Each structure stands twice: as C-alpha cells, then as structure tokens.
C-alpha cells in the first residue's frame, strides 16, 4: 500500500493536483484503521517511515511552489488565532522540556502537526466545487472503512489478540474498535441527507447500512447512543420542516427510505443474532449496555482527579506530561500521553489557556454553522448544528480523539475548514448581491 500511496502522490505532485493529493492523504487515514499492526501489514511504513508524512511534504511543496504565482490569503482572525496557538505550543514545549516530561517531543510533534494540517487544508479547499468533492469523498471513504470493519468482524475475529495486543484485547475483546469509528457519525449523516434529497439513493442507503452495521460491530455504547440520537433528531427536524411547508409528497419521499433503512438494519442485526446465537452481534451489544458501567466510573474518577489538579495548577505542567488512568479503587491502572477527555488533557499540559484555545476552536465551528444556517436556511445546516455537538461528545469529552487520533483530528480540521469556507462563500455572495443592488 505504501508504494501505491507514494506512486499516486508523485503523480498528483507532478500534475500539481493539490486537492487530489489531499484526498489521497485523507483516504490513507480515514479508510485504514488506526492500528499499528494493520498499518504495518498494509505497508504504510517503509523503512520505518510513515509514507503519509511524505504526502504531507508533497502538499507543502505544492503550496510553496504556488507562492510565486499567488499570495496565500489568511483572514486576520484566523492568523491571530494560529499565531497565539503556535506561541502557546512553543511556551509549553519549553516548560515540558524544563520539567523533563516523558512525552515532550511526541506532544510537540502532534500539536505542531495539527497547525501545519490546518494551514495546508485551508489553502487546498478553495471553492464550492472543492467543498462538494471533499464531502462526496468523505461519504465514499466512510463506505470503504465500514466494509473494512465488517470484513475484520466476519473473517478475522480470531486475529484480534494479535491486532490489538494482549492489554487492549483484554479491554475490548471481540469489539471492532478503532478511533476511525467516530468518522462513521459524519459519513452516515452526509449519506442520509443526500439520500433524503433523492441523490444516488441506493448508493447512499448502502453507505448508511454498512456504516450502522460497523457501528454496531464496534459495540461502543456512547457511539451507538449518539448515532441513535442523531437519527431521531434528523427525523424529527426534517418531518417538522416538511409539515410546516405542507409538502406531502416530500414527506412520503422522506418516510419511504427511512423505513427501508430501519427495516434493513433490523433485518441485518437479527441475521447476525440468529446466525451466531448467544455469541452473536446483537447479544454482545446488549451485553455491553447491561454491564455495570465500570468504564464510565473509571473515566469519571480519572477526570475528577485531573480536574482538581488543573484547579491547583491552572498554568499547566507542560507538553509531554505523562497522564495515568486510575482504577475504580483509585489505584494507577496504566499511563499514557492523554486521558479520555481532550479538554482536561490540554488543561493538565497547557493550563486554562490551552483549554480556552480548544474551547474557542469548537465554539467557533458551532458559531460558523449557525451563521451559515441563518444565511442559507438549509436543513443540512440546521441538522449539522446538533450533529456537531454530539460528535464533540464522542471525540472531545468521552475521548481525546480530536487531538490524539490522527484520523479524527484530520477529519475535524477538514470539517472546520469546509464550514469556514462555506461561510466565506455565502458572505461573499451576499456582499456581491449588495454591490449589484447599489
């Protein structure tokens, strides 16, 4: 796979196709499960080098070559935010280095990479056609990733101890758990919206069914609950809008595929249950929902301990600070680069300032979505207001994926740029109409 990525990357580099090169880079993270064993088997690493880093370099080369042709435009507000973020990263890197924090270099690399990715993506996605192409690609990548999950669940359950490693297998068991699973929230949402619009209905139904099946196979309670909430919200909001507009035909158009998806999904789950009886998928999912909630208790204990630590030291302890996961009895269970809460993780390392920067980022995203909806009045933007919040629950509150999962952090930055670019295009259109009117 590494050879294919390099070959395609060089081809797009030669043809100066920045967007296609970026989509190749995006696909390499979203389709391939975030798992070192699987990445090694697929040849993502060649001579110990992650080939995807070479794709990043290629994108930077194209942007540098473009410097002579056009001026790179960055809005003042975004420029100041990025400048402050880089300054904070450097300051807390120096603090972490002074404190001899174990993961200081790794943390510095992760946060600096996020800034570089934002710069690259903001220069690659420019117009309406770029936005549409990226959104359609996200749906397609979601389908491919879901099929990968289904394939692993069906044919490689016995290999899970090797794939996860002994410690993670003892936690996850037969669950098909990769951080990419959170991506399915977005891909199924986009596919559902386009299906309701009547675009490539059978294709989008396939994306939805495979995505929901993969989510069930993950057996992740929070993820399943969030997806159910999202679909209930999508149904209610769309139904209310259609009733308000008295569009009877559209209501039938909406209900038919929705019921088809629901029936197909129930049939699929029942099939797995009947086929495997007590060891089936449905049985395992029910078991997950009927456990004693120990994982949530452990997460709450860890979060409370570190939140108290932030209050005692609001300036932070520097990048690379080793964080530990506490057991139910308060003893240390394991150590890591982060804990299952992005805000608290950042707070421990970069203090209240770091938490504030992350809060500004996610709030600005929500504000931009709201602004787009107020301008466009489109149902997708109204739905996205709620989907974004539930997505954040998964990737920033129940996990730290927004920062520490390469696939999800890349996805979130991409979404941020997409939303920001849509807002800019809408505002430019309004200004143009105003000038024409005058």
Protein backbone atom coordinates (compact mmCIF):
# COMPACT_ATOMS: atom_id res chain seq x y z
CA UNK A 1 0.00 0.00 0.00
CA UNK A 2 2.89 2.35 0.78
CA UNK A 3 4.20 2.00 -2.77
CA UNK A 4 0.74 2.82 -4.17
CA UNK A 5 0.45 5.91 -1.95
CA UNK A 6 3.88 7.16 -2.99
CA UNK A 7 3.21 6.48 -6.69
CA UNK A 8 -0.14 8.29 -6.66
CA UNK A 9 1.35 11.07 -4.56
CA UNK A 10 4.18 11.64 -7.04
CA UNK A 11 1.64 11.57 -9.91
CA UNK A 12 -0.54 14.26 -8.28
CA UNK A 13 2.56 16.25 -7.35
CA UNK A 14 3.77 16.17 -10.96
CA UNK A 15 0.36 17.31 -12.23
CA UNK A 16 0.04 19.95 -9.49
CA UNK A 17 -3.29 18.48 -8.32
CA UNK A 18 -3.37 19.69 -4.74
CA UNK A 19 -6.94 18.65 -3.98
CA UNK A 20 -6.49 15.09 -5.28
CA UNK A 21 -3.23 14.78 -3.35
CA UNK A 22 -5.02 15.94 -0.21
CA UNK A 23 -7.88 13.47 -0.78
CA UNK A 24 -5.30 10.69 -1.13
CA UNK A 25 -3.80 11.79 2.17
CA UNK A 26 -7.26 11.95 3.78
CA UNK A 27 -8.16 8.48 2.49
CA UNK A 28 -4.95 6.98 3.86
CA UNK A 29 -6.05 7.95 7.37
CA UNK A 30 -9.83 7.52 7.25
CA UNK A 31 -10.03 4.18 5.41
CA UNK A 32 -7.10 2.42 7.11
CA UNK A 33 -7.95 1.51 10.74
CA UNK A 34 -5.86 3.45 13.26
CA UNK A 35 -3.90 0.43 14.40
CA UNK A 36 -0.14 -0.02 14.20
CA UNK A 37 -0.34 -3.73 13.40
CA UNK A 38 -2.77 -3.23 10.49
CA UNK A 39 -0.81 -0.24 9.19
CA UNK A 40 2.39 -2.32 9.23
CA UNK A 41 0.71 -5.25 7.45
CA UNK A 42 -0.61 -2.90 4.75
CA UNK A 43 2.83 -1.40 4.22
CA UNK A 44 2.04 2.12 5.39
CA UNK A 45 5.53 2.17 6.91
CA UNK A 46 8.52 1.71 4.60
CA UNK A 47 11.96 1.52 6.23
CA UNK A 48 10.32 2.78 9.41
CA UNK A 49 8.96 5.89 7.68
CA UNK A 50 5.23 6.63 7.65
CA UNK A 51 4.52 7.18 3.95
CA UNK A 52 1.70 9.57 4.84
CA UNK A 53 4.30 12.01 6.15
CA UNK A 54 5.76 12.07 2.63
CA UNK A 55 2.32 13.04 1.31
CA UNK A 56 2.32 15.95 3.78
CA UNK A 57 5.70 17.06 2.44
CA UNK A 58 4.39 16.83 -1.14
CA UNK A 59 1.43 19.05 -0.24
CA UNK A 60 3.75 21.59 1.35
CA UNK A 61 5.96 21.54 -1.77
CA UNK A 62 2.96 22.36 -3.98
CA UNK A 63 1.92 25.20 -1.68
CA UNK A 64 5.46 26.61 -1.66
CA UNK A 65 5.58 26.44 -5.46
CA UNK A 66 2.30 28.37 -5.55
CA UNK A 67 3.84 31.19 -3.52
CA UNK A 68 5.39 32.60 -6.68
CA UNK A 69 2.06 32.54 -8.53
CA UNK A 70 -0.34 33.91 -5.95
CA UNK A 71 -0.47 35.33 -2.45
CA UNK A 72 -1.57 32.97 0.31
CA UNK A 73 -4.60 34.57 1.96
CA UNK A 74 -5.33 34.10 5.65
CA UNK A 75 -8.01 36.12 7.43
CA UNK A 76 -6.77 38.30 10.29
CA UNK A 77 -8.78 36.49 12.97
CA UNK A 78 -7.51 33.09 11.82
CA UNK A 79 -3.96 34.43 11.57
CA UNK A 80 -4.01 35.76 15.14
CA UNK A 81 -5.55 32.51 16.45
CA UNK A 82 -2.87 30.41 14.71
CA UNK A 83 -0.13 32.77 15.91
CA UNK A 84 -1.31 32.55 19.53
CA UNK A 85 -1.65 28.76 19.23
CA UNK A 86 1.91 28.36 17.91
CA UNK A 87 3.20 30.64 20.68
CA UNK A 88 1.39 28.58 23.34
CA UNK A 89 2.76 25.34 21.85
CA UNK A 90 6.33 26.67 21.96
CA UNK A 91 5.98 28.05 25.51
CA UNK A 92 4.56 24.80 26.87
CA UNK A 93 7.08 22.75 24.94
CA UNK A 94 9.84 24.66 26.74
CA UNK A 95 8.04 24.16 30.06
CA UNK A 96 7.66 20.44 29.37
CA UNK A 97 11.32 20.21 28.40
CA UNK A 98 12.36 22.03 31.58
CA UNK A 99 10.19 19.67 33.64
CA UNK A 100 11.72 16.68 31.79
CA UNK A 101 8.27 15.42 30.81
CA UNK A 102 8.45 11.96 29.27
CA UNK A 103 6.47 12.62 26.07
CA UNK A 104 7.53 16.23 25.42
CA UNK A 105 8.93 15.68 21.90
CA UNK A 106 6.00 13.50 20.84
CA UNK A 107 3.46 16.02 22.14
CA UNK A 108 5.25 18.89 20.41
CA UNK A 109 5.21 16.98 17.13
CA UNK A 110 1.48 16.19 17.45
CA UNK A 111 0.38 19.77 18.17
CA UNK A 112 2.67 21.33 15.58
CA UNK A 113 1.38 18.85 13.00
CA UNK A 114 -2.20 19.98 13.70
CA UNK A 115 -1.26 23.58 12.93
CA UNK A 116 0.52 22.54 9.71
CA UNK A 117 -2.51 20.50 8.64
CA UNK A 118 -4.81 23.47 9.20
CA UNK A 119 -2.56 25.64 7.04
CA UNK A 120 -2.43 23.02 4.25
CA UNK A 121 -6.15 22.25 4.19
CA UNK A 122 -7.16 25.92 4.33
CA UNK A 123 -5.08 26.53 1.19
CA UNK A 124 -6.30 23.42 -0.66
CA UNK A 125 -10.08 23.79 -0.24
CA UNK A 126 -10.98 26.99 -2.07
CA UNK A 127 -14.36 26.98 -3.77
CA UNK A 128 -17.78 25.35 -3.94
CA UNK A 129 -16.59 22.54 -6.21
CA UNK A 130 -13.77 21.67 -3.80
CA UNK A 131 -16.24 21.53 -0.92
CA UNK A 132 -18.60 19.25 -2.85
CA UNK A 133 -15.77 16.94 -3.90
CA UNK A 134 -14.45 16.61 -0.35
CA UNK A 135 -17.94 15.92 1.07
CA UNK A 136 -18.63 13.22 -1.53
CA UNK A 137 -15.20 11.73 -0.82
CA UNK A 138 -15.98 11.59 2.90
CA UNK A 139 -19.09 9.55 2.14
CA UNK A 140 -17.14 7.16 -0.10
CA UNK A 141 -14.32 6.81 2.43
CA UNK A 142 -16.93 6.06 5.10
CA UNK A 143 -18.31 3.23 2.97
CA UNK A 144 -14.85 1.74 2.43
CA UNK A 145 -13.94 1.97 6.10
CA UNK A 146 -17.24 0.37 7.16
CA UNK A 147 -16.58 -2.52 4.76
CA UNK A 148 -13.11 -2.94 6.30
CA UNK A 149 -14.70 -3.20 9.78
CA UNK A 150 -17.29 -5.70 8.54
CA UNK A 151 -14.53 -7.75 6.88
CA UNK A 152 -12.46 -7.86 10.09
CA UNK A 153 -15.51 -8.80 12.18
CA UNK A 154 -16.55 -11.55 9.76
CA UNK A 155 -13.20 -13.14 8.91
CA UNK A 156 -10.58 -12.06 11.45
CA UNK A 157 -12.11 -12.19 14.93
CA UNK A 158 -9.56 -14.84 15.92
CA UNK A 159 -6.78 -12.42 14.96
CA UNK A 160 -7.97 -9.64 17.28
CA UNK A 161 -5.49 -10.53 20.09
CA UNK A 162 -2.67 -10.03 17.56
CA UNK A 163 -4.22 -6.88 16.10
CA UNK A 164 -4.91 -5.19 19.45
CA UNK A 165 -2.15 -6.66 21.60
CA UNK A 166 -2.81 -8.52 24.85
CA UNK A 167 -3.60 -5.49 27.02
CA UNK A 168 -6.07 -3.84 24.62
CA UNK A 169 -7.66 -7.19 23.78
CA UNK A 170 -8.30 -7.74 27.49
CA UNK A 171 -10.26 -4.45 27.43
CA UNK A 172 -12.03 -4.66 24.07
CA UNK A 173 -12.44 -8.39 23.45
CA UNK A 174 -14.34 -9.05 20.21
CA UNK A 175 -15.30 -5.42 19.72
CA UNK A 176 -14.04 -3.97 16.43
CA UNK A 177 -12.73 -0.80 17.98
CA UNK A 178 -10.62 1.75 16.13
CA UNK A 179 -10.74 5.52 16.59
CA UNK A 180 -11.86 5.78 12.94
CA UNK A 181 -15.27 4.52 14.13
CA UNK A 182 -16.18 8.07 15.14
CA UNK A 183 -15.81 9.06 11.47
CA UNK A 184 -18.92 6.98 10.71
CA UNK A 185 -21.05 9.57 12.53
CA UNK A 186 -20.19 12.08 9.81
CA UNK A 187 -20.25 9.78 6.77
CA UNK A 188 -23.66 8.27 7.64
CA UNK A 189 -25.09 11.74 8.35
CA UNK A 190 -23.97 13.12 4.97
CA UNK A 191 -25.21 10.00 3.17
CA UNK A 192 -28.58 10.19 4.94
CA UNK A 193 -29.09 13.83 4.00
CA UNK A 194 -28.24 13.25 0.33
CA UNK A 195 -30.45 10.17 0.24
CA UNK A 196 -33.37 12.22 1.55
CA UNK A 197 -32.70 14.68 -1.27
CA UNK A 198 -33.06 11.80 -3.72
CA UNK A 199 -29.42 11.78 -4.87
CA UNK A 200 -28.00 8.30 -5.68
CA UNK A 201 -30.45 6.78 -3.24
CA UNK A 202 -29.34 3.14 -3.42
CA UNK A 203 -25.66 4.09 -3.10
CA UNK A 204 -26.32 6.23 -0.04
CA UNK A 205 -28.52 3.54 1.53
CA UNK A 206 -25.57 1.15 1.11
CA UNK A 207 -23.30 3.68 2.85
CA UNK A 208 -25.78 4.08 5.72
CA UNK A 209 -26.44 0.36 6.24
CA UNK A 210 -22.76 -0.56 6.15
CA UNK A 211 -21.89 2.37 8.43
CA UNK A 212 -24.56 1.49 11.00
CA UNK A 213 -23.51 -2.16 10.90
CA UNK A 214 -19.88 -1.20 11.54
CA UNK A 215 -21.01 1.00 14.44
CA UNK A 216 -22.86 -1.95 15.97
CA UNK A 217 -19.79 -4.13 15.50
CA UNK A 218 -17.76 -1.61 17.49
CA UNK A 219 -20.11 -2.34 20.42
CA UNK A 220 -19.34 1.14 21.77
CA UNK A 221 -22.26 2.31 23.90
CA UNK A 222 -21.67 6.05 23.58
CA UNK A 223 -21.20 5.83 19.82
CA UNK A 224 -24.39 3.78 19.35
CA UNK A 225 -26.41 6.13 21.57
CA UNK A 226 -25.08 9.23 19.76
CA UNK A 227 -25.97 7.77 16.35
CA UNK A 228 -29.49 6.89 17.55
CA UNK A 229 -29.94 10.43 18.90
CA UNK A 230 -28.69 11.86 15.60
CA UNK A 231 -31.18 9.85 13.56
CA UNK A 232 -34.05 10.76 15.87
CA UNK A 233 -33.09 14.44 15.52
CA UNK A 234 -32.78 14.14 11.74
CA UNK A 235 -36.19 12.50 11.52
CA UNK A 236 -37.96 14.98 13.80
CA UNK A 237 -36.39 18.14 12.35
CA UNK A 238 -36.96 17.07 8.74
CA UNK A 239 -40.51 15.93 9.49
CA UNK A 240 -41.40 19.20 11.24
CA UNK A 241 -39.95 21.25 8.36
CA UNK A 242 -41.92 19.24 5.80
CA UNK A 243 -45.17 19.53 7.76
CA UNK A 244 -44.58 23.26 8.10
CA UNK A 245 -44.12 23.53 4.34
CA UNK A 246 -47.13 21.23 3.73
CA UNK A 247 -45.05 19.11 1.37
CA UNK A 248 -46.98 15.82 1.44
CA UNK A 249 -45.01 14.27 -1.41
CA UNK A 250 -41.73 15.13 0.24
CA UNK A 251 -42.96 13.55 3.46
CA UNK A 252 -43.57 10.30 1.62
CA UNK A 253 -40.20 10.65 -0.07
CA UNK A 254 -38.62 11.06 3.36
CA UNK A 255 -40.50 8.26 5.14
CA UNK A 256 -40.03 5.57 2.49
CA UNK A 257 -36.22 5.42 2.51
CA UNK A 258 -36.17 5.98 6.27
CA UNK A 259 -38.38 2.96 6.87
CA UNK A 260 -36.38 0.97 4.30
CA UNK A 261 -33.18 1.72 6.20
CA UNK A 262 -34.79 0.87 9.53
CA UNK A 263 -36.22 -2.44 8.29
CA UNK A 264 -32.97 -3.39 6.55
CA UNK A 265 -30.94 -2.53 9.64
CA UNK A 266 -33.18 -4.57 11.96
CA UNK A 267 -33.09 -7.49 9.49
CA UNK A 268 -29.31 -7.35 9.32
CA UNK A 269 -28.91 -7.28 13.10
CA UNK A 270 -31.40 -10.13 13.51
CA UNK A 271 -29.47 -12.15 10.93
CA UNK A 272 -26.27 -11.83 12.94
CA UNK A 273 -28.13 -12.75 16.11
CA UNK A 274 -29.82 -15.82 14.66
CA UNK A 275 -26.65 -16.96 12.90
CA UNK A 276 -24.41 -16.80 15.96
CA UNK A 277 -26.98 -17.24 18.74
CA UNK A 278 -25.55 -16.34 22.16
CA UNK A 279 -22.25 -15.25 20.64
CA UNK A 280 -23.95 -13.07 18.04
CA UNK A 281 -23.58 -9.36 17.44
CA UNK A 282 -26.94 -8.38 18.96
CA UNK A 283 -26.23 -10.41 22.08
CA UNK A 284 -22.83 -8.75 22.51
CA UNK A 285 -24.28 -5.26 22.03
CA UNK A 286 -26.99 -5.95 24.64
CA UNK A 287 -24.29 -7.26 26.98
CA UNK A 288 -22.38 -4.00 26.54
CA UNK A 289 -25.46 -1.99 27.51
CA UNK A 290 -26.23 -4.17 30.51
CA UNK A 291 -22.77 -4.07 32.12
CA UNK A 292 -22.18 -2.23 35.38
CA UNK A 293 -20.71 0.88 33.74
CA UNK A 294 -17.25 0.32 35.20
CA UNK A 295 -15.50 2.01 32.26
CA UNK A 296 -17.56 5.18 32.81
CA UNK A 297 -16.78 5.07 36.53
CA UNK A 298 -13.05 4.74 35.81
CA UNK A 299 -13.25 7.65 33.36
CA UNK A 300 -15.06 9.85 35.88
CA UNK A 301 -12.57 9.06 38.65
CA UNK A 302 -9.63 9.91 36.37
CA UNK A 303 -11.26 13.12 35.10
CA UNK A 304 -12.12 14.31 38.62
CA UNK A 305 -8.57 13.74 39.87
CA UNK A 306 -7.05 15.67 36.97
CA UNK A 307 -9.65 18.43 37.08
CA UNK A 308 -8.68 19.05 40.70
CA UNK A 309 -5.05 19.10 39.55
CA UNK A 310 -5.89 21.84 37.00
CA UNK A 311 -7.53 23.94 39.72
CA UNK A 312 -4.41 23.56 41.85
CA UNK A 313 -2.09 24.39 38.94
CA UNK A 314 -4.04 26.48 36.39
CA UNK A 315 -0.89 27.31 34.38
CA UNK A 316 -0.28 23.69 33.35
CA UNK A 317 2.66 21.31 33.62
CA UNK A 318 3.98 21.48 30.07
CA UNK A 319 3.68 19.34 26.95
CA UNK A 320 4.57 15.68 27.28
CA UNK A 321 3.24 15.30 30.81
CA UNK A 322 2.60 11.62 31.47
CA UNK A 323 -1.04 11.01 32.39
CA UNK A 324 -2.34 7.95 34.20
CA UNK A 325 -5.66 6.14 34.12
CA UNK A 326 -6.94 5.37 37.61
CA UNK A 327 -8.79 2.21 38.58
CA UNK A 328 -12.16 2.10 40.37
CA UNK A 329 -10.39 1.95 43.72
CA UNK A 330 -8.17 4.94 42.85
CA UNK A 331 -5.03 2.94 42.11
CA UNK A 332 -2.99 3.51 38.92
CA UNK A 333 -4.13 1.24 36.07
CA UNK A 334 -1.97 2.49 33.19
CA UNK A 335 -0.14 5.56 31.88
CA UNK A 336 -0.42 7.33 28.54
CA UNK A 337 0.02 10.56 26.60
CA UNK A 338 -3.61 11.53 27.25
CA UNK A 339 -6.78 10.60 29.13
CA UNK A 340 -10.32 10.21 27.79
CA UNK A 341 -11.15 13.91 27.78
CA UNK A 342 -9.48 16.37 25.41
CA UNK A 343 -10.20 19.48 27.49
CA UNK A 344 -8.79 18.03 30.71
CA UNK A 345 -5.81 16.57 28.84
CA UNK A 346 -4.98 20.00 27.41
CA UNK A 347 -5.67 21.63 30.77
CA UNK A 348 -3.09 19.46 32.53
CA UNK A 349 -0.46 20.27 29.89
CA UNK A 350 -1.22 23.85 28.83
CA UNK A 351 -3.39 25.02 31.69
CA UNK A 352 -6.55 27.07 31.42
CA UNK A 353 -5.09 28.93 28.42
CA UNK A 354 -4.87 25.68 26.45
CA UNK A 355 -8.40 24.68 27.44
CA UNK A 356 -9.64 28.11 26.36
CA UNK A 357 -7.98 27.80 22.93
CA UNK A 358 -9.64 24.42 22.35
CA UNK A 359 -12.99 25.78 23.54
CA UNK A 360 -12.70 28.75 21.16
CA UNK A 361 -11.99 26.36 18.28
CA UNK A 362 -15.08 24.18 18.81
CA UNK A 363 -17.34 27.14 19.66
CA UNK A 364 -16.23 28.99 16.54
CA UNK A 365 -17.08 25.91 14.49
CA UNK A 366 -20.58 25.83 16.01
CA UNK A 367 -21.00 29.59 15.52
CA UNK A 368 -19.96 29.31 11.86
CA UNK A 369 -22.52 26.54 11.29
CA UNK A 370 -25.21 28.70 12.90
CA UNK A 371 -24.22 31.67 10.75
CA UNK A 372 -24.42 29.55 7.59
CA UNK A 373 -27.88 28.27 8.57
CA UNK A 374 -29.16 31.80 9.21
CA UNK A 375 -27.98 32.76 5.72
CA UNK A 376 -28.88 29.62 3.76
CA UNK A 377 -31.86 28.28 5.69
CA UNK A 378 -30.87 24.78 4.51
CA UNK A 379 -31.94 21.74 6.50
CA UNK A 380 -28.44 20.23 6.38
CA UNK A 381 -27.02 23.23 8.26
CA UNK A 382 -29.73 23.06 10.92
CA UNK A 383 -29.05 19.34 11.38
CA UNK A 384 -25.30 19.93 11.47
CA UNK A 385 -25.74 22.27 14.44
CA UNK A 386 -26.83 19.26 16.51
CA UNK A 387 -24.64 16.63 14.82
CA UNK A 388 -21.53 18.70 15.58
CA UNK A 389 -22.39 18.79 19.29
CA UNK A 390 -22.97 15.03 19.51
CA UNK A 391 -19.78 14.44 17.50
CA UNK A 392 -17.85 16.55 20.03
CA UNK A 393 -19.23 14.44 22.88
CA UNK A 394 -17.53 11.42 21.30
CA UNK A 395 -14.23 12.95 20.17
CA UNK A 396 -13.56 15.61 22.84
CA UNK A 397 -15.47 14.74 26.02
CA UNK A 398 -15.61 10.93 26.08
CA UNK A 399 -12.23 10.72 24.32
CA UNK A 400 -9.31 12.92 23.29
CA UNK A 401 -9.58 11.89 19.62
CA UNK A 402 -9.91 15.49 18.43
CA UNK A 403 -6.22 15.91 19.31
CA UNK A 404 -4.66 12.46 19.67
CA UNK A 405 -6.28 10.36 16.95
CA UNK A 406 -4.53 11.17 13.63
CA UNK A 407 -7.62 10.20 11.61
CA UNK A 408 -10.18 12.09 13.71
CA UNK A 409 -8.07 15.22 14.25
CA UNK A 410 -7.51 15.35 10.48
CA UNK A 411 -11.24 14.88 9.89
CA UNK A 412 -12.17 17.64 12.35
CA UNK A 413 -9.72 20.13 10.85
CA UNK A 414 -11.08 19.26 7.39
CA UNK A 415 -14.65 19.84 8.59
CA UNK A 416 -13.61 23.10 10.25
CA UNK A 417 -12.10 24.38 7.00
CA UNK A 418 -15.12 23.18 4.97
CA UNK A 419 -17.53 25.04 7.24
CA UNK A 420 -15.36 28.14 7.33
CA UNK A 421 -15.02 28.17 3.54
CA UNK A 422 -18.79 27.74 3.07
CA UNK A 423 -19.38 30.69 5.38
CA UNK A 424 -16.92 32.84 3.43
CA UNK A 425 -18.54 31.91 0.11
CA UNK A 426 -22.01 32.77 1.43
CA UNK A 427 -20.82 36.11 2.80
CA UNK A 428 -19.02 36.92 -0.46
CA UNK A 429 -22.22 36.16 -2.37
CA UNK A 430 -24.24 38.47 -0.08
CA UNK A 431 -21.69 41.27 -0.50
CA UNK A 432 -21.76 40.83 -4.27
CA UNK A 433 -25.56 40.98 -4.35
CA UNK A 434 -25.46 44.12 -2.17
CA UNK A 435 -23.00 45.80 -4.53
CA UNK A 436 -25.12 44.89 -7.56
CA UNK A 437 -28.21 46.29 -5.83
CA UNK A 438 -26.44 49.56 -5.08
